[in-house]
Amino acid sequence: MAPSYKHHVFICQNQRPEGHPRGCCLAKGADKILEYMKIRIKELGLKNIRINKAGCLDQCEKGPAVVIYPEGTWYTIKTIEDAETLIQSHLIQDQKATELLMK
């Protein structure tokens, strides 16, 4: 039986050279957001949720880019506080964190 998750969260970890016109999610702190979310999900004892690194999600200018499947909901998560809001809203309450939705 294939593994399935209620929520599968992908956080861009792409790195571009410094000064690249599109920027990159890693330079915007995506690594800290990934680390926080992995630790926090474990602390909260949330099962059936997977947090994964992603390569370039091609939303560099809007990043740090996060996409959650199976819904296919895209977010811009800029701070640890944003990450906590995403966890509480989308992952726990099953409600989109509308203020964080990628525009």
N, C-alpha and C. Protein backbone atom coordinates (compact mmCIF):
# COMPACT_ATOMS: atom_id res chain seq x y z
N MET A 1 0.85 -1.19 0.00
CA MET A 1 0.00 0.00 0.00
C MET A 1 0.89 1.25 0.00
N ALA A 2 0.62 2.15 -0.89
CA ALA A 2 1.42 3.37 -1.00
C ALA A 2 1.15 4.29 0.18
N PRO A 3 2.20 4.96 0.68
CA PRO A 3 1.97 5.90 1.79
C PRO A 3 1.11 7.06 1.32
N SER A 4 0.29 7.52 2.21
CA SER A 4 -0.51 8.70 1.89
C SER A 4 -0.50 9.60 3.10
N TYR A 5 -0.56 10.87 2.84
CA TYR A 5 -0.52 11.86 3.90
C TYR A 5 -1.75 12.74 3.79
N LYS A 6 -2.25 13.15 4.93
CA LYS A 6 -3.35 14.11 4.92
C LYS A 6 -2.86 15.41 4.29
N HIS A 7 -1.65 15.82 4.67
CA HIS A 7 -1.02 17.01 4.08
C HIS A 7 0.44 16.68 3.79
N HIS A 8 0.87 16.98 2.59
CA HIS A 8 2.27 16.79 2.19
C HIS A 8 2.78 18.18 1.82
N VAL A 9 3.68 18.72 2.64
CA VAL A 9 4.15 20.09 2.54
C VAL A 9 5.53 20.12 1.89
N PHE A 10 5.66 20.87 0.81
CA PHE A 10 6.93 21.03 0.12
C PHE A 10 7.40 22.47 0.28
N ILE A 11 8.64 22.63 0.76
CA ILE A 11 9.21 23.95 0.99
C ILE A 11 10.44 24.10 0.11
N CYS A 12 10.41 25.08 -0.78
CA CYS A 12 11.52 25.30 -1.71
C CYS A 12 12.81 25.57 -0.96
N GLN A 13 13.86 24.89 -1.39
CA GLN A 13 15.19 25.08 -0.82
C GLN A 13 16.19 25.47 -1.91
N ASN A 14 15.68 25.97 -3.03
CA ASN A 14 16.55 26.30 -4.16
C ASN A 14 17.48 27.46 -3.82
N GLN A 15 18.71 27.35 -4.31
CA GLN A 15 19.71 28.39 -4.11
C GLN A 15 20.24 28.84 -5.46
N ARG A 16 20.19 30.13 -5.69
CA ARG A 16 20.75 30.73 -6.90
C ARG A 16 21.98 31.55 -6.50
N PRO A 17 22.82 31.89 -7.46
CA PRO A 17 23.98 32.74 -7.13
C PRO A 17 23.53 34.08 -6.56
N GLU A 18 24.32 34.62 -5.66
CA GLU A 18 24.02 35.92 -5.08
C GLU A 18 23.89 36.96 -6.19
N GLY A 19 22.86 37.80 -6.06
CA GLY A 19 22.64 38.84 -7.06
C GLY A 19 21.80 38.41 -8.25
N HIS A 20 21.36 37.14 -8.27
CA HIS A 20 20.52 36.67 -9.38
C HIS A 20 19.24 37.50 -9.40
N PRO A 21 18.80 37.93 -10.59
CA PRO A 21 17.63 38.82 -10.67
C PRO A 21 16.34 38.22 -10.10
N ARG A 22 16.20 36.91 -10.10
CA ARG A 22 14.97 36.30 -9.57
C ARG A 22 15.05 36.04 -8.07
N GLY A 23 16.24 36.10 -7.51
CA GLY A 23 16.40 35.77 -6.10
C GLY A 23 16.22 34.27 -5.90
N CYS A 24 16.17 33.86 -4.65
CA CYS A 24 15.92 32.45 -4.36
C CYS A 24 15.34 32.29 -2.97
N CYS A 25 14.63 31.19 -2.78
CA CYS A 25 13.95 30.95 -1.51
C CYS A 25 14.94 30.72 -0.37
N LEU A 26 16.05 30.05 -0.65
CA LEU A 26 17.01 29.77 0.41
C LEU A 26 17.57 31.06 1.00
N ALA A 27 17.88 32.03 0.16
CA ALA A 27 18.40 33.31 0.64
C ALA A 27 17.37 34.08 1.45
N LYS A 28 16.09 33.71 1.31
CA LYS A 28 15.02 34.38 2.04
C LYS A 28 14.64 33.63 3.33
N GLY A 29 15.44 32.63 3.71
CA GLY A 29 15.22 31.94 4.98
C GLY A 29 14.41 30.67 4.91
N ALA A 30 14.25 30.10 3.73
CA ALA A 30 13.45 28.88 3.58
C ALA A 30 14.00 27.71 4.39
N ASP A 31 15.32 27.67 4.59
CA ASP A 31 15.91 26.59 5.38
C ASP A 31 15.46 26.64 6.83
N LYS A 32 15.37 27.85 7.39
CA LYS A 32 14.91 28.00 8.78
C LYS A 32 13.43 27.64 8.91
N ILE A 33 12.65 27.97 7.90
CA ILE A 33 11.22 27.64 7.91
C ILE A 33 11.04 26.13 7.84
N LEU A 34 11.79 25.46 6.98
CA LEU A 34 11.73 24.01 6.87
C LEU A 34 12.08 23.36 8.22
N GLU A 35 13.18 23.78 8.80
CA GLU A 35 13.63 23.21 10.08
C GLU A 35 12.57 23.43 11.16
N TYR A 36 12.03 24.64 11.25
CA TYR A 36 11.01 24.95 12.25
C TYR A 36 9.78 24.06 12.07
N MET A 37 9.31 23.96 10.84
CA MET A 37 8.09 23.19 10.60
C MET A 37 8.28 21.72 10.91
N LYS A 38 9.42 21.15 10.57
CA LYS A 38 9.68 19.73 10.89
C LYS A 38 9.66 19.51 12.40
N ILE A 39 10.36 20.38 13.13
CA ILE A 39 10.42 20.26 14.60
C ILE A 39 9.04 20.46 15.21
N ARG A 40 8.34 21.47 14.75
CA ARG A 40 7.03 21.82 15.33
C ARG A 40 5.99 20.73 15.10
N ILE A 41 5.97 20.14 13.92
CA ILE A 41 5.03 19.06 13.62
C ILE A 41 5.27 17.88 14.57
N LYS A 42 6.55 17.59 14.80
CA LYS A 42 6.90 16.51 15.73
C LYS A 42 6.50 16.86 17.16
N GLU A 43 6.79 18.11 17.59
CA GLU A 43 6.42 18.57 18.94
C GLU A 43 4.92 18.45 19.18
N LEU A 44 4.15 18.80 18.17
CA LEU A 44 2.69 18.78 18.30
C LEU A 44 2.11 17.37 18.16
N GLY A 45 2.96 16.41 17.79
CA GLY A 45 2.50 15.03 17.65
C GLY A 45 1.57 14.84 16.47
N LEU A 46 1.71 15.68 15.45
CA LEU A 46 0.82 15.58 14.29
C LEU A 46 1.26 14.42 13.41
N LYS A 47 0.38 13.50 13.21
CA LYS A 47 0.65 12.34 12.37
C LYS A 47 0.06 12.57 10.99
N ASN A 48 0.52 11.80 10.04
CA ASN A 48 -0.04 11.84 8.70
C ASN A 48 0.22 13.16 7.98
N ILE A 49 1.28 13.89 8.44
CA ILE A 49 1.71 15.11 7.78
C ILE A 49 3.19 14.96 7.50
N ARG A 50 3.58 15.27 6.28
CA ARG A 50 4.98 15.15 5.88
C ARG A 50 5.49 16.51 5.42
N ILE A 51 6.64 16.91 5.95
CA ILE A 51 7.30 18.15 5.56
C ILE A 51 8.53 17.76 4.75
N ASN A 52 8.64 18.26 3.52
CA ASN A 52 9.74 17.89 2.63
C ASN A 52 10.44 19.10 2.03
N LYS A 53 11.72 18.93 1.77
CA LYS A 53 12.47 19.89 0.96
C LYS A 53 11.98 19.77 -0.47
N ALA A 54 11.98 20.89 -1.17
CA ALA A 54 11.68 20.86 -2.60
C ALA A 54 12.79 21.60 -3.33
N GLY A 55 13.03 21.20 -4.55
CA GLY A 55 13.89 21.98 -5.43
C GLY A 55 13.10 23.20 -5.87
N CYS A 56 13.57 23.86 -6.88
CA CYS A 56 12.93 25.09 -7.34
C CYS A 56 11.47 24.84 -7.71
N LEU A 57 10.59 25.64 -7.11
CA LEU A 57 9.16 25.57 -7.42
C LEU A 57 8.77 26.66 -8.43
N ASP A 58 9.77 27.38 -8.95
CA ASP A 58 9.60 28.40 -9.98
C ASP A 58 8.70 29.55 -9.55
N GLN A 59 8.77 29.89 -8.26
CA GLN A 59 8.04 31.04 -7.73
C GLN A 59 9.01 31.92 -6.94
N CYS A 60 10.22 32.03 -7.45
CA CYS A 60 11.34 32.66 -6.75
C CYS A 60 11.02 34.06 -6.21
N GLU A 61 10.40 34.86 -7.04
CA GLU A 61 10.10 36.24 -6.64
C GLU A 61 9.07 36.32 -5.53
N LYS A 62 8.27 35.27 -5.37
CA LYS A 62 7.18 35.26 -4.39
C LYS A 62 7.54 34.50 -3.12
N GLY A 63 8.74 33.97 -3.05
CA GLY A 63 9.13 33.07 -1.99
C GLY A 63 9.43 33.73 -0.67
N PRO A 64 9.72 32.88 0.30
CA PRO A 64 9.86 31.44 0.25
C PRO A 64 8.54 30.74 -0.11
N ALA A 65 8.65 29.88 -1.11
CA ALA A 65 7.48 29.20 -1.66
C ALA A 65 7.22 27.88 -0.94
N VAL A 66 5.94 27.68 -0.61
CA VAL A 66 5.48 26.45 0.03
C VAL A 66 4.23 25.99 -0.70
N VAL A 67 4.15 24.70 -1.01
CA VAL A 67 2.95 24.15 -1.62
C VAL A 67 2.53 22.92 -0.82
N ILE A 68 1.23 22.81 -0.59
CA ILE A 68 0.70 21.70 0.19
C ILE A 68 -0.21 20.86 -0.71
N TYR A 69 0.09 19.57 -0.74
CA TYR A 69 -0.73 18.61 -1.47
C TYR A 69 -1.42 17.69 -0.49
N PRO A 70 -2.57 17.11 -0.83
CA PRO A 70 -3.10 16.98 -2.18
C PRO A 70 -3.88 18.20 -2.67
N GLU A 71 -4.08 19.20 -1.82
CA GLU A 71 -4.91 20.34 -2.23
C GLU A 71 -4.28 21.18 -3.34
N GLY A 72 -2.94 21.26 -3.35
CA GLY A 72 -2.26 22.13 -4.31
C GLY A 72 -2.38 23.58 -3.91
N THR A 73 -2.32 23.86 -2.62
CA THR A 73 -2.43 25.23 -2.11
C THR A 73 -1.04 25.83 -1.96
N TRP A 74 -0.84 27.01 -2.55
CA TRP A 74 0.46 27.68 -2.55
C TRP A 74 0.48 28.82 -1.55
N TYR A 75 1.58 28.89 -0.81
CA TYR A 75 1.76 29.93 0.20
C TYR A 75 3.11 30.61 0.04
N THR A 76 3.18 31.86 0.50
CA THR A 76 4.44 32.57 0.71
C THR A 76 4.63 32.64 2.22
N ILE A 77 5.67 32.01 2.72
CA ILE A 77 5.94 31.95 4.16
C ILE A 77 7.26 32.67 4.40
N LYS A 78 7.20 33.88 4.97
CA LYS A 78 8.40 34.70 5.11
C LYS A 78 9.04 34.63 6.49
N THR A 79 8.27 34.21 7.50
CA THR A 79 8.79 34.23 8.87
C THR A 79 8.39 32.95 9.61
N ILE A 80 9.01 32.75 10.75
CA ILE A 80 8.63 31.63 11.62
C ILE A 80 7.19 31.82 12.09
N GLU A 81 6.79 33.06 12.33
CA GLU A 81 5.40 33.34 12.73
C GLU A 81 4.43 32.93 11.62
N ASP A 82 4.79 33.20 10.36
CA ASP A 82 3.97 32.75 9.23
C ASP A 82 3.88 31.23 9.22
N ALA A 83 5.00 30.57 9.48
CA ALA A 83 5.02 29.10 9.49
C ALA A 83 4.08 28.57 10.57
N GLU A 84 4.09 29.19 11.73
CA GLU A 84 3.20 28.76 12.82
C GLU A 84 1.74 29.00 12.44
N THR A 85 1.45 30.12 11.81
CA THR A 85 0.09 30.39 11.35
C THR A 85 -0.35 29.31 10.36
N LEU A 86 0.53 28.95 9.44
CA LEU A 86 0.22 27.90 8.46
C LEU A 86 -0.07 26.58 9.16
N ILE A 87 0.75 26.23 10.13
CA ILE A 87 0.54 24.98 10.88
C ILE A 87 -0.81 25.00 11.57
N GLN A 88 -1.09 26.07 12.30
CA GLN A 88 -2.33 26.14 13.07
C GLN A 88 -3.56 26.16 12.16
N SER A 89 -3.51 26.94 11.08
CA SER A 89 -4.68 27.07 10.20
C SER A 89 -4.85 25.88 9.28
N HIS A 90 -3.87 25.68 8.39
CA HIS A 90 -4.04 24.68 7.33
C HIS A 90 -3.85 23.26 7.84
N LEU A 91 -2.81 23.04 8.63
CA LEU A 91 -2.48 21.67 9.01
C LEU A 91 -3.29 21.15 10.19
N ILE A 92 -3.68 22.01 11.10
CA ILE A 92 -4.45 21.57 12.26
C ILE A 92 -5.95 21.78 12.05
N GLN A 93 -6.33 22.99 11.65
CA GLN A 93 -7.77 23.32 11.53
C GLN A 93 -8.34 23.05 10.14
N ASP A 94 -7.50 22.63 9.20
CA ASP A 94 -7.94 22.37 7.82
C ASP A 94 -8.61 23.58 7.19
N GLN A 95 -8.08 24.76 7.50
CA GLN A 95 -8.58 26.00 6.90
C GLN A 95 -7.40 26.72 6.26
N LYS A 96 -7.59 27.19 5.05
CA LYS A 96 -6.51 27.91 4.38
C LYS A 96 -6.12 29.15 5.19
N ALA A 97 -4.82 29.40 5.27
CA ALA A 97 -4.31 30.61 5.90
C ALA A 97 -4.35 31.70 4.82
N THR A 98 -5.51 32.30 4.65
CA THR A 98 -5.76 33.17 3.51
C THR A 98 -4.79 34.33 3.41
N GLU A 99 -4.33 34.85 4.55
CA GLU A 99 -3.40 35.99 4.52
C GLU A 99 -2.02 35.59 3.99
N LEU A 100 -1.74 34.29 3.92
CA LEU A 100 -0.45 33.79 3.45
C LEU A 100 -0.49 33.19 2.05
N LEU A 101 -1.68 33.12 1.46
CA LEU A 101 -1.80 32.54 0.13
C LEU A 101 -0.94 33.30 -0.87
N MET A 102 -0.26 32.57 -1.73
CA MET A 102 0.60 33.19 -2.73
C MET A 102 -0.26 33.94 -3.73
N LYS A 103 0.16 35.14 -4.02
CA LYS A 103 -0.60 35.98 -4.95
C LYS A 103 0.00 35.91 -6.32
